[in-house]
Amino acid sequence: MGAATSKAAPDVGPAPMERGEHDEKRELLESFGSMSLGTPLSSSGTVTARTLTKWENAAQALPTTSLSRTIFAHSDLKTTLTARPAQIADTYVFNTVVPFTPSNRTNQKSSGRCWLFATTNVLRHEVMQRLKLDEFQLSQSYLFIWDKLEKANYYLEQSIIHADKPLDDRLVLHLAGAPLNDGGQWDMACNLLEKYGVVPQTVYPESFSSSASSTLNQLLTTEVREHALKLRRQSAKLTASGLSH
């Protein structure tokens, strides 16, 4: 307004990026530039034999692709794709070191007892320091067997509580899905320790089925499901006779 000289509008465009600056948006746009976004390869959108032939011819025309095929055919994929500079750059260097580390390593083998191994490792760390032991392990199998017992009891108790529901009820199906799997968490480990305690591994060592629990789990699951059906039938009889409460 008035006689004041008008000024040019300030430049509000994006500021120029510095060389080497990481820009995800720019990388995304560049990646689209390398894609063929024109005419579809087929009118129906399906992968046709003609398309496959075109891809194969394009791959064979590139010496690097032929070399990659040969390498991948005769070596492990993860090893081949691991960049050596990345291995050198990402070394395991820690500025905080635990003052005491047990020399022997524990192994859950072919089982899902990671939560029990984590728990017993925390505990044995303290025991070894207090008793000045070089080698020591707490029994994961000891806690493992009591965990199976508790899970079986819980499933059967729930089968009684929900015996009035049909077998295809969502809750009944959920409870019967994997009632005795190996998994667990910290609060479950605490409950086992409070109720059953824990013993050294020399007192209750590993067994074949504790280290490879798949077959054991299948057999136990079949067994508790069978007993759940029996309990459901008994519950139905009690209800029919008017004795349930």
C-alpha atoms as a PDB file:
ATOM      1  CA  MET A   1       0.000   0.000   0.000  1.00  0.00           C
ATOM      2  CA  GLY A   2       1.058   3.629  -0.453  1.00  0.00           C
ATOM      3  CA  ALA A   3       4.208   4.658  -2.298  1.00  0.00           C
ATOM      4  CA  ALA A   4       6.453   2.002  -0.840  1.00  0.00           C
ATOM      5  CA  THR A   5       8.419   0.137  -3.445  1.00  0.00           C
ATOM      6  CA  SER A   6       7.203  -3.452  -3.807  1.00  0.00           C
ATOM      7  CA  LYS A   7       9.701  -6.169  -2.924  1.00  0.00           C
ATOM      8  CA  ALA A   8      10.226  -9.450  -4.667  1.00  0.00           C
ATOM      9  CA  ALA A   9       8.647 -12.422  -2.954  1.00  0.00           C
ATOM     10  CA  PRO A  10      11.173 -14.325  -0.892  1.00  0.00           C
ATOM     11  CA  ASP A  11      12.403 -17.609  -2.292  1.00  0.00           C
ATOM     12  CA  VAL A  12      10.634 -20.293  -0.282  1.00  0.00           C
ATOM     13  CA  GLY A  13      11.850 -23.201  -2.368  1.00  0.00           C
ATOM     14  CA  PRO A  14      13.856 -26.008  -0.835  1.00  0.00           C
ATOM     15  CA  ALA A  15      17.357 -25.150   0.213  1.00  0.00           C
ATOM     16  CA  PRO A  16      20.049 -26.786  -1.900  1.00  0.00           C
ATOM     17  CA  MET A  17      21.350 -29.983  -0.341  1.00  0.00           C
ATOM     18  CA  GLU A  18      24.948 -30.253   0.594  1.00  0.00           C
ATOM     19  CA  ARG A  19      27.021 -32.778  -1.340  1.00  0.00           C
ATOM     20  CA  GLY A  20      26.965 -36.156   0.331  1.00  0.00           C
ATOM     21  CA  GLU A  21      23.923 -35.361   2.455  1.00  0.00           C
ATOM     22  CA  HIS A  22      21.685 -38.399   2.989  1.00  0.00           C
ATOM     23  CA  ASP A  23      18.303 -37.750   1.403  1.00  0.00           C
ATOM     24  CA  GLU A  24      15.780 -40.609   1.429  1.00  0.00           C
ATOM     25  CA  LYS A  25      13.360 -38.712  -0.807  1.00  0.00           C
ATOM     26  CA  ARG A  26      15.991 -38.193  -3.486  1.00  0.00           C
ATOM     27  CA  GLU A  27      17.014 -41.836  -3.351  1.00  0.00           C
ATOM     28  CA  LEU A  28      13.377 -42.864  -3.712  1.00  0.00           C
ATOM     29  CA  LEU A  29      12.920 -40.679  -6.788  1.00  0.00           C
ATOM     30  CA  GLU A  30      16.115 -42.027  -8.307  1.00  0.00           C
ATOM     31  CA  SER A  31      14.941 -45.588  -7.732  1.00  0.00           C
ATOM     32  CA  PHE A  32      11.711 -44.835  -9.597  1.00  0.00           C
ATOM     33  CA  GLY A  33      13.767 -43.493 -12.455  1.00  0.00           C
ATOM     34  CA  SER A  34      15.371 -46.893 -12.967  1.00  0.00           C
ATOM     35  CA  MET A  35      11.974 -48.607 -13.164  1.00  0.00           C
ATOM     36  CA  SER A  36       9.996 -49.140 -16.322  1.00  0.00           C
ATOM     37  CA  LEU A  37       6.651 -47.519 -15.488  1.00  0.00           C
ATOM     38  CA  GLY A  38       5.320 -47.264 -19.019  1.00  0.00           C
ATOM     39  CA  THR A  39       3.247 -49.850 -20.824  1.00  0.00           C
ATOM     40  CA  PRO A  40       2.417 -52.936 -18.720  1.00  0.00           C
ATOM     41  CA  LEU A  41       4.240 -56.124 -19.685  1.00  0.00           C
ATOM     42  CA  SER A  42       0.891 -57.836 -20.202  1.00  0.00           C
ATOM     43  CA  SER A  43      -2.665 -56.582 -20.595  1.00  0.00           C
ATOM     44  CA  SER A  44      -3.928 -58.818 -17.785  1.00  0.00           C
ATOM     45  CA  GLY A  45      -1.096 -57.994 -15.404  1.00  0.00           C
ATOM     46  CA  THR A  46       0.050 -61.632 -15.254  1.00  0.00           C
ATOM     47  CA  VAL A  47       3.550 -62.971 -15.849  1.00  0.00           C
ATOM     48  CA  THR A  48       3.585 -64.396 -19.366  1.00  0.00           C
ATOM     49  CA  ALA A  49       6.056 -66.692 -21.115  1.00  0.00           C
ATOM     50  CA  ARG A  50       7.047 -63.772 -23.337  1.00  0.00           C
ATOM     51  CA  THR A  51       7.844 -61.678 -20.282  1.00  0.00           C
ATOM     52  CA  LEU A  52       9.953 -64.457 -18.792  1.00  0.00           C
ATOM     53  CA  THR A  53      11.893 -64.820 -22.038  1.00  0.00           C
ATOM     54  CA  LYS A  54      12.486 -61.084 -22.096  1.00  0.00           C
ATOM     55  CA  TRP A  55      13.796 -61.127 -18.524  1.00  0.00           C
ATOM     56  CA  GLU A  56      16.043 -64.102 -19.217  1.00  0.00           C
ATOM     57  CA  ASN A  57      17.553 -62.528 -22.334  1.00  0.00           C
ATOM     58  CA  ALA A  58      18.198 -59.306 -20.420  1.00  0.00           C
ATOM     59  CA  ALA A  59      19.883 -61.224 -17.603  1.00  0.00           C
ATOM     60  CA  GLN A  60      22.082 -63.239 -19.975  1.00  0.00           C
ATOM     61  CA  ALA A  61      23.233 -60.047 -21.687  1.00  0.00           C
ATOM     62  CA  LEU A  62      24.798 -58.793 -18.433  1.00  0.00           C
ATOM     63  CA  PRO A  63      28.145 -60.401 -17.505  1.00  0.00           C
ATOM     64  CA  THR A  64      27.671 -59.355 -13.871  1.00  0.00           C
ATOM     65  CA  THR A  65      24.355 -61.201 -13.683  1.00  0.00           C
ATOM     66  CA  SER A  66      25.907 -64.352 -15.138  1.00  0.00           C
ATOM     67  CA  LEU A  67      28.717 -64.143 -12.586  1.00  0.00           C
ATOM     68  CA  SER A  68      26.237 -63.589  -9.756  1.00  0.00           C
ATOM     69  CA  ARG A  69      24.226 -66.632 -10.816  1.00  0.00           C
ATOM     70  CA  THR A  70      27.309 -68.803 -10.757  1.00  0.00           C
ATOM     71  CA  ILE A  71      28.348 -67.552  -7.323  1.00  0.00           C
ATOM     72  CA  PHE A  72      24.874 -67.942  -5.802  1.00  0.00           C
ATOM     73  CA  ALA A  73      24.549 -71.459  -7.200  1.00  0.00           C
ATOM     74  CA  HIS A  74      27.681 -72.649  -5.385  1.00  0.00           C
ATOM     75  CA  SER A  75      27.733 -70.696  -2.121  1.00  0.00           C
ATOM     76  CA  ASP A  76      25.643 -69.661   0.853  1.00  0.00           C
ATOM     77  CA  LEU A  77      23.438 -66.666   0.061  1.00  0.00           C
ATOM     78  CA  LYS A  78      24.015 -64.817   3.337  1.00  0.00           C
ATOM     79  CA  THR A  79      27.772 -65.252   3.124  1.00  0.00           C
ATOM     80  CA  THR A  80      27.849 -64.103  -0.484  1.00  0.00           C
ATOM     81  CA  LEU A  81      25.729 -61.025   0.133  1.00  0.00           C
ATOM     82  CA  THR A  82      27.689 -59.911   3.200  1.00  0.00           C
ATOM     83  CA  ALA A  83      29.799 -56.907   2.280  1.00  0.00           C
ATOM     84  CA  ARG A  84      33.361 -57.197   3.579  1.00  0.00           C
ATOM     85  CA  PRO A  85      33.665 -53.446   4.315  1.00  0.00           C
ATOM     86  CA  ALA A  86      30.529 -53.713   6.471  1.00  0.00           C
ATOM     87  CA  GLN A  87      32.089 -56.570   8.443  1.00  0.00           C
ATOM     88  CA  ILE A  88      35.148 -54.474   9.115  1.00  0.00           C
ATOM     89  CA  ALA A  89      33.139 -51.363  10.041  1.00  0.00           C
ATOM     90  CA  ASP A  90      30.643 -53.074  12.333  1.00  0.00           C
ATOM     91  CA  THR A  91      32.948 -54.803  14.768  1.00  0.00           C
ATOM     92  CA  TYR A  92      31.804 -55.869  18.226  1.00  0.00           C
ATOM     93  CA  VAL A  93      33.478 -53.296  20.463  1.00  0.00           C
ATOM     94  CA  PHE A  94      31.956 -52.552  23.864  1.00  0.00           C
ATOM     95  CA  ASN A  95      32.789 -49.763  26.294  1.00  0.00           C
ATOM     96  CA  THR A  96      31.042 -51.542  29.195  1.00  0.00           C
ATOM     97  CA  VAL A  97      32.235 -54.988  30.193  1.00  0.00           C
ATOM     98  CA  VAL A  98      30.615 -57.334  32.709  1.00  0.00           C
ATOM     99  CA  PRO A  99      33.246 -58.042  35.390  1.00  0.00           C
ATOM    100  CA  PHE A 100      32.441 -61.756  35.539  1.00  0.00           C
ATOM    101  CA  THR A 101      31.438 -64.025  32.673  1.00  0.00           C
ATOM    102  CA  PRO A 102      31.002 -67.821  32.995  1.00  0.00           C
ATOM    103  CA  SER A 103      33.348 -69.723  30.713  1.00  0.00           C
ATOM    104  CA  ASN A 104      30.892 -72.438  29.686  1.00  0.00           C
ATOM    105  CA  ARG A 105      27.980 -71.600  27.405  1.00  0.00           C
ATOM    106  CA  THR A 106      24.480 -73.027  27.791  1.00  0.00           C
ATOM    107  CA  ASN A 107      22.602 -74.535  24.857  1.00  0.00           C
ATOM    108  CA  GLN A 108      18.837 -74.984  24.571  1.00  0.00           C
ATOM    109  CA  LYS A 109      19.344 -77.145  21.462  1.00  0.00           C
ATOM    110  CA  SER A 110      16.147 -78.107  19.593  1.00  0.00           C
ATOM    111  CA  SER A 111      13.691 -76.759  22.138  1.00  0.00           C
ATOM    112  CA  GLY A 112      11.812 -73.562  22.908  1.00  0.00           C
ATOM    113  CA  ARG A 113      13.243 -73.094  26.393  1.00  0.00           C
ATOM    114  CA  CYS A 114      15.022 -69.805  25.752  1.00  0.00           C
ATOM    115  CA  TRP A 115      13.147 -68.140  28.616  1.00  0.00           C
ATOM    116  CA  LEU A 116      14.268 -70.832  31.086  1.00  0.00           C
ATOM    117  CA  PHE A 117      17.852 -70.614  29.880  1.00  0.00           C
ATOM    118  CA  ALA A 118      17.802 -66.836  30.237  1.00  0.00           C
ATOM    119  CA  THR A 119      16.441 -67.154  33.762  1.00  0.00           C
ATOM    120  CA  THR A 120      18.901 -69.803  34.925  1.00  0.00           C
ATOM    121  CA  ASN A 121      21.806 -67.928  33.338  1.00  0.00           C
ATOM    122  CA  VAL A 122      20.970 -64.826  35.365  1.00  0.00           C
ATOM    123  CA  LEU A 123      20.754 -66.906  38.520  1.00  0.00           C
ATOM    124  CA  ARG A 124      23.880 -69.000  37.953  1.00  0.00           C
ATOM    125  CA  HIS A 125      25.895 -65.852  37.330  1.00  0.00           C
ATOM    126  CA  GLU A 126      25.197 -64.783  40.907  1.00  0.00           C
ATOM    127  CA  VAL A 127      25.742 -68.272  42.325  1.00  0.00           C
ATOM    128  CA  MET A 128      29.120 -68.681  40.631  1.00  0.00           C
ATOM    129  CA  GLN A 129      30.348 -65.355  41.954  1.00  0.00           C
ATOM    130  CA  ARG A 130      29.207 -66.021  45.521  1.00  0.00           C
ATOM    131  CA  LEU A 131      30.584 -69.566  45.662  1.00  0.00           C
ATOM    132  CA  LYS A 132      33.627 -68.772  43.496  1.00  0.00           C
ATOM    133  CA  LEU A 133      32.876 -71.566  41.020  1.00  0.00           C
ATOM    134  CA  ASP A 134      34.524 -71.937  37.627  1.00  0.00           C
ATOM    135  CA  GLU A 135      31.880 -74.212  36.094  1.00  0.00           C
ATOM    136  CA  PHE A 136      28.233 -74.386  37.112  1.00  0.00           C
ATOM    137  CA  GLN A 137      24.784 -74.672  35.566  1.00  0.00           C
ATOM    138  CA  LEU A 138      21.285 -74.753  36.976  1.00  0.00           C
ATOM    139  CA  SER A 139      18.915 -77.387  35.600  1.00  0.00           C
ATOM    140  CA  GLN A 140      16.686 -76.084  32.847  1.00  0.00           C
ATOM    141  CA  SER A 141      15.127 -79.551  32.511  1.00  0.00           C
ATOM    142  CA  TYR A 142      13.971 -79.423  36.142  1.00  0.00           C
ATOM    143  CA  LEU A 143      11.983 -76.251  35.520  1.00  0.00           C
ATOM    144  CA  PHE A 144      10.925 -77.566  32.125  1.00  0.00           C
ATOM    145  CA  ILE A 145       9.092 -80.606  33.507  1.00  0.00           C
ATOM    146  CA  TRP A 146       7.239 -78.568  36.130  1.00  0.00           C
ATOM    147  CA  ASP A 147       6.252 -76.060  33.464  1.00  0.00           C
ATOM    148  CA  LYS A 148       4.705 -78.892  31.432  1.00  0.00           C
ATOM    149  CA  LEU A 149       2.765 -80.041  34.490  1.00  0.00           C
ATOM    150  CA  GLU A 150       1.461 -76.546  35.223  1.00  0.00           C
ATOM    151  CA  LYS A 151       0.437 -75.957  31.608  1.00  0.00           C
ATOM    152  CA  ALA A 152      -1.364 -79.306  31.438  1.00  0.00           C
ATOM    153  CA  ASN A 153      -3.222 -78.544  34.674  1.00  0.00           C
ATOM    154  CA  TYR A 154      -4.196 -75.075  33.444  1.00  0.00           C
ATOM    155  CA  TYR A 155      -5.519 -76.434  30.147  1.00  0.00           C
ATOM    156  CA  LEU A 156      -7.563 -79.165  31.839  1.00  0.00           C
ATOM    157  CA  GLU A 157      -8.960 -76.720  34.395  1.00  0.00           C
ATOM    158  CA  GLN A 158      -9.978 -74.367  31.597  1.00  0.00           C
ATOM    159  CA  SER A 159     -11.560 -77.297  29.766  1.00  0.00           C
ATOM    160  CA  ILE A 160     -13.773 -77.923  32.793  1.00  0.00           C
ATOM    161  CA  ILE A 161     -14.690 -74.244  33.176  1.00  0.00           C
ATOM    162  CA  HIS A 162     -15.635 -73.916  29.496  1.00  0.00           C
ATOM    163  CA  ALA A 163     -17.128 -77.386  29.068  1.00  0.00           C
ATOM    164  CA  ASP A 164     -20.500 -75.848  28.199  1.00  0.00           C
ATOM    165  CA  LYS A 165     -19.056 -74.187  25.101  1.00  0.00           C
ATOM    166  CA  PRO A 166     -19.015 -76.080  21.775  1.00  0.00           C
ATOM    167  CA  LEU A 167     -15.771 -77.579  20.497  1.00  0.00           C
ATOM    168  CA  ASP A 168     -15.617 -75.057  17.670  1.00  0.00           C
ATOM    169  CA  ASP A 169     -15.910 -72.108  20.061  1.00  0.00           C
ATOM    170  CA  ARG A 170     -13.087 -69.644  19.470  1.00  0.00           C
ATOM    171  CA  LEU A 171     -11.882 -69.769  23.069  1.00  0.00           C
ATOM    172  CA  VAL A 172     -11.983 -73.561  23.208  1.00  0.00           C
ATOM    173  CA  LEU A 173     -10.046 -73.760  19.949  1.00  0.00           C
ATOM    174  CA  HIS A 174      -7.500 -71.251  21.234  1.00  0.00           C
ATOM    175  CA  LEU A 175      -6.936 -73.178  24.462  1.00  0.00           C
ATOM    176  CA  ALA A 176      -6.527 -76.456  22.561  1.00  0.00           C
ATOM    177  CA  GLY A 177      -4.247 -74.975  19.904  1.00  0.00           C
ATOM    178  CA  ALA A 178      -0.891 -75.370  21.671  1.00  0.00           C
ATOM    179  CA  PRO A 179      -1.538 -76.053  25.355  1.00  0.00           C
ATOM    180  CA  LEU A 180       1.916 -77.486  26.073  1.00  0.00           C
ATOM    181  CA  ASN A 181       4.318 -75.571  23.878  1.00  0.00           C
ATOM    182  CA  ASP A 182       7.774 -74.774  25.238  1.00  0.00           C
ATOM    183  CA  GLY A 183       7.416 -71.002  25.283  1.00  0.00           C
ATOM    184  CA  GLY A 184       7.199 -68.807  28.341  1.00  0.00           C
ATOM    185  CA  GLN A 185       8.267 -65.534  29.921  1.00  0.00           C
ATOM    186  CA  TRP A 186       9.775 -64.000  33.028  1.00  0.00           C
ATOM    187  CA  ASP A 187       6.696 -64.042  35.270  1.00  0.00           C
ATOM    188  CA  MET A 188       6.125 -67.727  34.472  1.00  0.00           C
ATOM    189  CA  ALA A 189       9.725 -68.500  35.398  1.00  0.00           C
ATOM    190  CA  CYS A 190       9.312 -66.606  38.680  1.00  0.00           C
ATOM    191  CA  ASN A 191       6.199 -68.620  39.523  1.00  0.00           C
ATOM    192  CA  LEU A 192       8.039 -71.894  38.852  1.00  0.00           C
ATOM    193  CA  LEU A 193      10.980 -70.834  40.994  1.00  0.00           C
ATOM    194  CA  GLU A 194       8.768 -69.770  43.887  1.00  0.00           C
ATOM    195  CA  LYS A 195       6.783 -73.010  43.826  1.00  0.00           C
ATOM    196  CA  TYR A 196       9.376 -75.646  42.889  1.00  0.00           C
ATOM    197  CA  GLY A 197      12.755 -74.011  43.446  1.00  0.00           C
ATOM    198  CA  VAL A 198      15.695 -74.938  41.262  1.00  0.00           C
ATOM    199  CA  VAL A 199      18.513 -77.510  41.364  1.00  0.00           C
ATOM    200  CA  PRO A 200      21.979 -77.849  39.792  1.00  0.00           C
ATOM    201  CA  GLN A 201      22.125 -79.512  36.397  1.00  0.00           C
ATOM    202  CA  THR A 202      24.217 -82.327  37.865  1.00  0.00           C
ATOM    203  CA  VAL A 203      21.213 -83.280  40.024  1.00  0.00           C
ATOM    204  CA  TYR A 204      18.681 -83.082  37.179  1.00  0.00           C
ATOM    205  CA  PRO A 205      20.597 -83.344  33.862  1.00  0.00           C
ATOM    206  CA  GLU A 206      19.390 -82.954  30.309  1.00  0.00           C
ATOM    207  CA  SER A 207      17.463 -85.752  28.589  1.00  0.00           C
ATOM    208  CA  PHE A 208      16.870 -86.456  24.922  1.00  0.00           C
ATOM    209  CA  SER A 209      13.327 -85.093  25.040  1.00  0.00           C
ATOM    210  CA  SER A 210      14.250 -81.948  26.954  1.00  0.00           C
ATOM    211  CA  SER A 211      16.856 -81.085  24.334  1.00  0.00           C
ATOM    212  CA  ALA A 212      14.628 -82.088  21.393  1.00  0.00           C
ATOM    213  CA  SER A 213      11.112 -81.492  22.663  1.00  0.00           C
ATOM    214  CA  SER A 214       9.056 -81.717  19.472  1.00  0.00           C
ATOM    215  CA  THR A 215       7.956 -85.347  19.815  1.00  0.00           C
ATOM    216  CA  LEU A 216       7.362 -84.975  23.553  1.00  0.00           C
ATOM    217  CA  ASN A 217       5.139 -81.969  22.931  1.00  0.00           C
ATOM    218  CA  GLN A 218       3.126 -83.811  20.282  1.00  0.00           C
ATOM    219  CA  LEU A 219       2.500 -86.793  22.557  1.00  0.00           C
ATOM    220  CA  LEU A 220       1.636 -84.679  25.604  1.00  0.00           C
ATOM    221  CA  THR A 221      -0.654 -82.420  23.584  1.00  0.00           C
ATOM    222  CA  THR A 222      -2.539 -85.428  22.198  1.00  0.00           C
ATOM    223  CA  GLU A 223      -2.865 -86.863  25.692  1.00  0.00           C
ATOM    224  CA  VAL A 224      -4.199 -83.727  27.392  1.00  0.00           C
ATOM    225  CA  ARG A 225      -6.652 -83.086  24.548  1.00  0.00           C
ATOM    226  CA  GLU A 226      -7.998 -86.602  25.033  1.00  0.00           C
ATOM    227  CA  HIS A 227      -8.409 -85.989  28.753  1.00  0.00           C
ATOM    228  CA  ALA A 228     -10.057 -82.641  28.039  1.00  0.00           C
ATOM    229  CA  LEU A 229     -12.709 -84.439  25.990  1.00  0.00           C
ATOM    230  CA  LYS A 230     -13.275 -86.879  28.855  1.00  0.00           C
ATOM    231  CA  LEU A 231     -13.694 -84.004  31.289  1.00  0.00           C
ATOM    232  CA  ARG A 232     -16.169 -82.314  28.942  1.00  0.00           C
ATOM    233  CA  ARG A 233     -18.250 -85.499  28.779  1.00  0.00           C
ATOM    234  CA  GLN A 234     -18.185 -85.876  32.565  1.00  0.00           C
ATOM    235  CA  SER A 235     -19.211 -82.246  32.964  1.00  0.00           C
ATOM    236  CA  ALA A 236     -22.129 -82.768  30.569  1.00  0.00           C
ATOM    237  CA  LYS A 237     -23.294 -85.801  32.570  1.00  0.00           C
ATOM    238  CA  LEU A 238     -23.125 -83.851  35.827  1.00  0.00           C
ATOM    239  CA  THR A 239     -25.081 -81.002  34.295  1.00  0.00           C
ATOM    240  CA  ALA A 240     -27.726 -83.377  32.977  1.00  0.00           C
ATOM    241  CA  SER A 241     -28.077 -85.008  36.392  1.00  0.00           C
ATOM    242  CA  GLY A 242     -28.308 -81.657  38.146  1.00  0.00           C
ATOM    243  CA  LEU A 243     -25.187 -82.331  40.224  1.00  0.00           C
ATOM    244  CA  SER A 244     -22.971 -79.632  38.707  1.00  0.00           C
ATOM    245  CA  HIS A 245     -22.638 -76.313  40.444  1.00  0.00           C
END
